[in-house]
């Protein structure tokens, strides 16, 4: 729900011209579930994801370092320019 929330279609009978701040204040671009979100929800969600992450690491036998994408570098010498 958090990562892939679904939009709610709302129909208006008239054209409304408003700034982004005015639309934000009317809260017409938010989903109903957003009202249920608070600090406790995020703390619980973070703790749950952290536990899952640690279990995945343990079961896989990987270290945290092995899960990070590493960049590569390369230098090619073509020739001396004289």
N, C-alpha and C. Protein backbone atom coordinates (compact mmCIF):
# COMPACT_ATOMS: atom_id res chain seq x y z
N UNK A 1 0.83 -1.19 0.00
CA UNK A 1 0.00 0.00 0.00
C UNK A 1 0.87 1.26 0.00
N UNK A 2 1.96 1.24 0.78
CA UNK A 2 2.82 2.42 0.81
C UNK A 2 3.61 2.57 -0.48
N UNK A 3 4.20 1.49 -0.91
CA UNK A 3 5.06 1.58 -2.09
C UNK A 3 4.28 1.74 -3.38
N UNK A 4 3.11 1.14 -3.45
CA UNK A 4 2.34 1.16 -4.69
C UNK A 4 0.88 1.52 -4.41
N UNK A 5 0.67 2.67 -3.82
CA UNK A 5 -0.69 3.11 -3.54
C UNK A 5 -1.50 3.28 -4.80
N UNK A 6 -2.76 3.03 -4.72
CA UNK A 6 -3.64 3.14 -5.89
C UNK A 6 -4.36 4.49 -5.87
N UNK A 7 -4.44 5.13 -7.02
CA UNK A 7 -5.14 6.42 -7.07
C UNK A 7 -6.64 6.24 -6.92
N UNK A 8 -7.29 7.26 -6.42
CA UNK A 8 -8.74 7.27 -6.31
C UNK A 8 -9.26 8.28 -7.32
N UNK A 9 -10.17 7.86 -8.17
CA UNK A 9 -10.74 8.77 -9.15
C UNK A 9 -11.74 9.69 -8.49
N UNK A 10 -11.61 10.98 -8.75
CA UNK A 10 -12.56 11.97 -8.23
C UNK A 10 -13.06 12.78 -9.42
N UNK A 11 -14.36 12.99 -9.46
CA UNK A 11 -14.97 13.71 -10.57
C UNK A 11 -15.45 15.07 -10.08
N UNK A 12 -15.10 16.10 -10.84
CA UNK A 12 -15.52 17.46 -10.51
C UNK A 12 -16.42 17.98 -11.63
N UNK A 13 -17.45 18.73 -11.26
CA UNK A 13 -18.39 19.26 -12.23
C UNK A 13 -17.98 20.62 -12.78
N UNK A 14 -16.93 21.20 -12.22
CA UNK A 14 -16.50 22.51 -12.68
C UNK A 14 -14.98 22.56 -12.72
N UNK A 15 -14.46 23.46 -13.55
CA UNK A 15 -13.02 23.63 -13.63
C UNK A 15 -12.56 24.47 -12.45
N UNK A 16 -11.49 24.03 -11.82
CA UNK A 16 -10.95 24.74 -10.68
C UNK A 16 -9.51 25.14 -10.99
N UNK A 17 -9.21 26.41 -10.81
CA UNK A 17 -7.85 26.89 -10.99
C UNK A 17 -7.29 27.17 -9.60
N UNK A 18 -6.17 26.51 -9.28
CA UNK A 18 -5.62 26.66 -7.93
C UNK A 18 -4.11 26.46 -7.98
N UNK A 19 -3.46 27.00 -7.00
CA UNK A 19 -2.02 26.78 -6.88
C UNK A 19 -1.78 25.42 -6.24
N UNK A 20 -0.55 24.96 -6.29
CA UNK A 20 -0.21 23.67 -5.66
C UNK A 20 -0.49 23.73 -4.16
N UNK A 21 -0.20 24.87 -3.55
CA UNK A 21 -0.43 25.02 -2.10
C UNK A 21 -1.92 24.94 -1.77
N UNK A 22 -2.76 25.54 -2.62
CA UNK A 22 -4.22 25.49 -2.39
C UNK A 22 -4.74 24.06 -2.53
N UNK A 23 -4.24 23.33 -3.51
CA UNK A 23 -4.65 21.93 -3.67
C UNK A 23 -4.19 21.10 -2.49
N UNK A 24 -2.99 21.37 -2.03
CA UNK A 24 -2.45 20.66 -0.87
C UNK A 24 -3.33 20.89 0.35
N UNK A 25 -3.77 22.13 0.55
CA UNK A 25 -4.61 22.47 1.71
C UNK A 25 -5.97 21.78 1.65
N UNK A 26 -6.49 21.55 0.44
CA UNK A 26 -7.79 20.89 0.29
C UNK A 26 -7.69 19.38 0.45
N UNK A 27 -6.48 18.85 0.39
CA UNK A 27 -6.21 17.41 0.55
C UNK A 27 -7.03 16.54 -0.39
N UNK A 28 -7.28 17.05 -1.61
CA UNK A 28 -8.05 16.25 -2.56
C UNK A 28 -7.17 15.31 -3.37
N UNK A 29 -5.86 15.43 -3.22
CA UNK A 29 -4.97 14.55 -3.98
C UNK A 29 -4.37 13.45 -3.10
N UNK A 30 -4.97 13.20 -1.97
CA UNK A 30 -4.50 12.17 -1.05
C UNK A 30 -5.49 11.01 -1.00
N UNK A 31 -4.96 9.85 -0.73
CA UNK A 31 -5.81 8.66 -0.56
C UNK A 31 -6.29 8.58 0.89
N UNK A 32 -7.41 7.91 1.12
CA UNK A 32 -7.97 7.79 2.47
C UNK A 32 -7.01 7.12 3.44
N UNK A 33 -6.24 6.14 2.96
CA UNK A 33 -5.36 5.40 3.85
C UNK A 33 -4.27 6.29 4.44
N UNK A 34 -3.95 7.41 3.80
CA UNK A 34 -2.89 8.28 4.29
C UNK A 34 -3.22 8.87 5.67
N UNK A 35 -4.49 8.99 5.97
CA UNK A 35 -4.90 9.54 7.26
C UNK A 35 -4.52 8.60 8.41
N UNK A 36 -4.30 7.33 8.10
CA UNK A 36 -3.96 6.35 9.13
C UNK A 36 -2.46 6.29 9.41
N UNK A 37 -1.68 7.02 8.64
CA UNK A 37 -0.23 6.99 8.78
C UNK A 37 0.21 7.94 9.89
N UNK A 38 1.03 7.43 10.81
CA UNK A 38 1.58 8.26 11.87
C UNK A 38 2.96 7.72 12.24
N UNK A 39 3.60 8.35 13.21
CA UNK A 39 4.96 7.96 13.58
C UNK A 39 5.03 6.49 14.04
N UNK A 40 4.06 6.07 14.81
CA UNK A 40 4.05 4.68 15.30
C UNK A 40 3.98 3.69 14.13
N UNK A 41 3.18 4.01 13.11
CA UNK A 41 3.07 3.14 11.94
C UNK A 41 4.43 2.99 11.27
N UNK A 42 5.12 4.12 11.05
CA UNK A 42 6.42 4.06 10.39
C UNK A 42 7.45 3.33 11.24
N UNK A 43 7.41 3.52 12.54
CA UNK A 43 8.34 2.81 13.43
C UNK A 43 8.11 1.31 13.34
N UNK A 44 6.86 0.90 13.39
CA UNK A 44 6.52 -0.53 13.29
C UNK A 44 6.92 -1.09 11.93
N UNK A 45 6.61 -0.35 10.86
CA UNK A 45 6.95 -0.81 9.51
C UNK A 45 8.46 -0.94 9.35
N UNK A 46 9.20 0.04 9.86
CA UNK A 46 10.66 -0.01 9.78
C UNK A 46 11.20 -1.23 10.53
N UNK A 47 10.70 -1.46 11.73
CA UNK A 47 11.14 -2.61 12.52
C UNK A 47 10.84 -3.92 11.80
N UNK A 48 9.66 -4.02 11.19
CA UNK A 48 9.29 -5.23 10.45
C UNK A 48 10.24 -5.47 9.27
N UNK A 49 10.50 -4.42 8.51
CA UNK A 49 11.38 -4.55 7.34
C UNK A 49 12.80 -4.88 7.78
N UNK A 50 13.26 -4.26 8.85
CA UNK A 50 14.60 -4.54 9.37
C UNK A 50 14.72 -6.01 9.78
N UNK A 51 13.69 -6.55 10.43
CA UNK A 51 13.70 -7.96 10.84
C UNK A 51 13.75 -8.87 9.61
N UNK A 52 12.94 -8.56 8.61
CA UNK A 52 12.93 -9.37 7.38
C UNK A 52 14.30 -9.31 6.71
N UNK A 53 14.89 -8.11 6.64
CA UNK A 53 16.21 -7.93 6.03
C UNK A 53 17.27 -8.78 6.74
N UNK A 54 17.26 -8.75 8.07
CA UNK A 54 18.24 -9.53 8.84
C UNK A 54 18.04 -11.03 8.62
N UNK A 55 16.79 -11.47 8.55
CA UNK A 55 16.51 -12.89 8.31
C UNK A 55 16.97 -13.30 6.92
N UNK A 56 16.76 -12.44 5.93
CA UNK A 56 17.22 -12.75 4.57
C UNK A 56 18.75 -12.87 4.53
N UNK A 57 19.44 -11.96 5.21
CA UNK A 57 20.90 -12.04 5.26
C UNK A 57 21.36 -13.33 5.92
N UNK A 58 20.74 -13.67 7.04
CA UNK A 58 21.12 -14.89 7.76
C UNK A 58 20.90 -16.13 6.90
N UNK A 59 19.73 -16.24 6.29
CA UNK A 59 19.40 -17.43 5.48
C UNK A 59 20.27 -17.53 4.24
N UNK A 60 20.63 -16.38 3.65
CA UNK A 60 21.41 -16.39 2.41
C UNK A 60 22.89 -16.64 2.66
N UNK A 61 23.36 -16.33 3.88
CA UNK A 61 24.78 -16.48 4.17
C UNK A 61 25.61 -15.32 3.63
N UNK A 62 24.97 -14.30 3.10
CA UNK A 62 25.68 -13.14 2.56
C UNK A 62 26.00 -12.14 3.66
N UNK A 63 27.05 -11.37 3.45
CA UNK A 63 27.32 -10.25 4.35
C UNK A 63 26.63 -9.01 3.76
N UNK A 64 26.48 -7.99 4.57
CA UNK A 64 25.87 -6.76 4.08
C UNK A 64 26.69 -6.22 2.91
N UNK A 65 28.01 -6.28 3.00
CA UNK A 65 28.88 -5.79 1.94
C UNK A 65 28.61 -6.49 0.61
N UNK A 66 28.29 -7.78 0.66
CA UNK A 66 28.03 -8.54 -0.57
C UNK A 66 26.71 -8.15 -1.24
N UNK A 67 25.85 -7.45 -0.52
CA UNK A 67 24.55 -7.05 -1.10
C UNK A 67 24.60 -5.68 -1.77
N UNK A 68 25.73 -4.98 -1.61
CA UNK A 68 25.85 -3.62 -2.14
C UNK A 68 26.39 -3.67 -3.57
N UNK A 69 25.80 -2.89 -4.44
CA UNK A 69 26.30 -2.78 -5.81
C UNK A 69 27.61 -2.01 -5.77
N UNK A 70 28.62 -2.55 -6.41
CA UNK A 70 29.94 -1.93 -6.41
C UNK A 70 30.23 -1.37 -7.80
N UNK A 71 30.75 -0.18 -7.84
CA UNK A 71 31.13 0.42 -9.11
C UNK A 71 32.47 -0.13 -9.58
N UNK A 72 32.75 0.04 -10.84
CA UNK A 72 34.04 -0.38 -11.38
C UNK A 72 34.69 0.81 -12.06
N UNK A 73 36.00 0.75 -12.14
CA UNK A 73 36.77 1.80 -12.81
C UNK A 73 37.73 1.14 -13.76
N UNK A 74 38.04 1.87 -14.83
CA UNK A 74 38.96 1.32 -15.80
C UNK A 74 39.70 2.46 -16.47
N UNK A 75 40.98 2.27 -16.67
CA UNK A 75 41.79 3.22 -17.42
C UNK A 75 42.46 2.45 -18.55
N UNK A 76 42.37 2.99 -19.73
CA UNK A 76 43.01 2.34 -20.88
C UNK A 76 44.11 3.25 -21.42
N UNK A 77 45.32 2.70 -21.58
CA UNK A 77 46.41 3.45 -22.17
C UNK A 77 46.41 3.15 -23.66
N UNK A 78 46.29 4.18 -24.46
CA UNK A 78 46.26 3.97 -25.91
C UNK A 78 47.67 4.14 -26.49
N UNK A 79 48.28 5.27 -26.25
CA UNK A 79 49.64 5.50 -26.72
C UNK A 79 50.18 6.82 -26.20
N UNK A 80 51.48 7.00 -26.27
CA UNK A 80 52.09 8.28 -25.92
C UNK A 80 51.85 9.26 -27.06
N UNK A 81 51.50 10.48 -26.72
CA UNK A 81 51.34 11.51 -27.73
C UNK A 81 52.54 12.41 -27.63
N UNK A 82 53.24 12.59 -28.71
CA UNK A 82 54.50 13.31 -28.64
C UNK A 82 54.48 14.60 -29.25
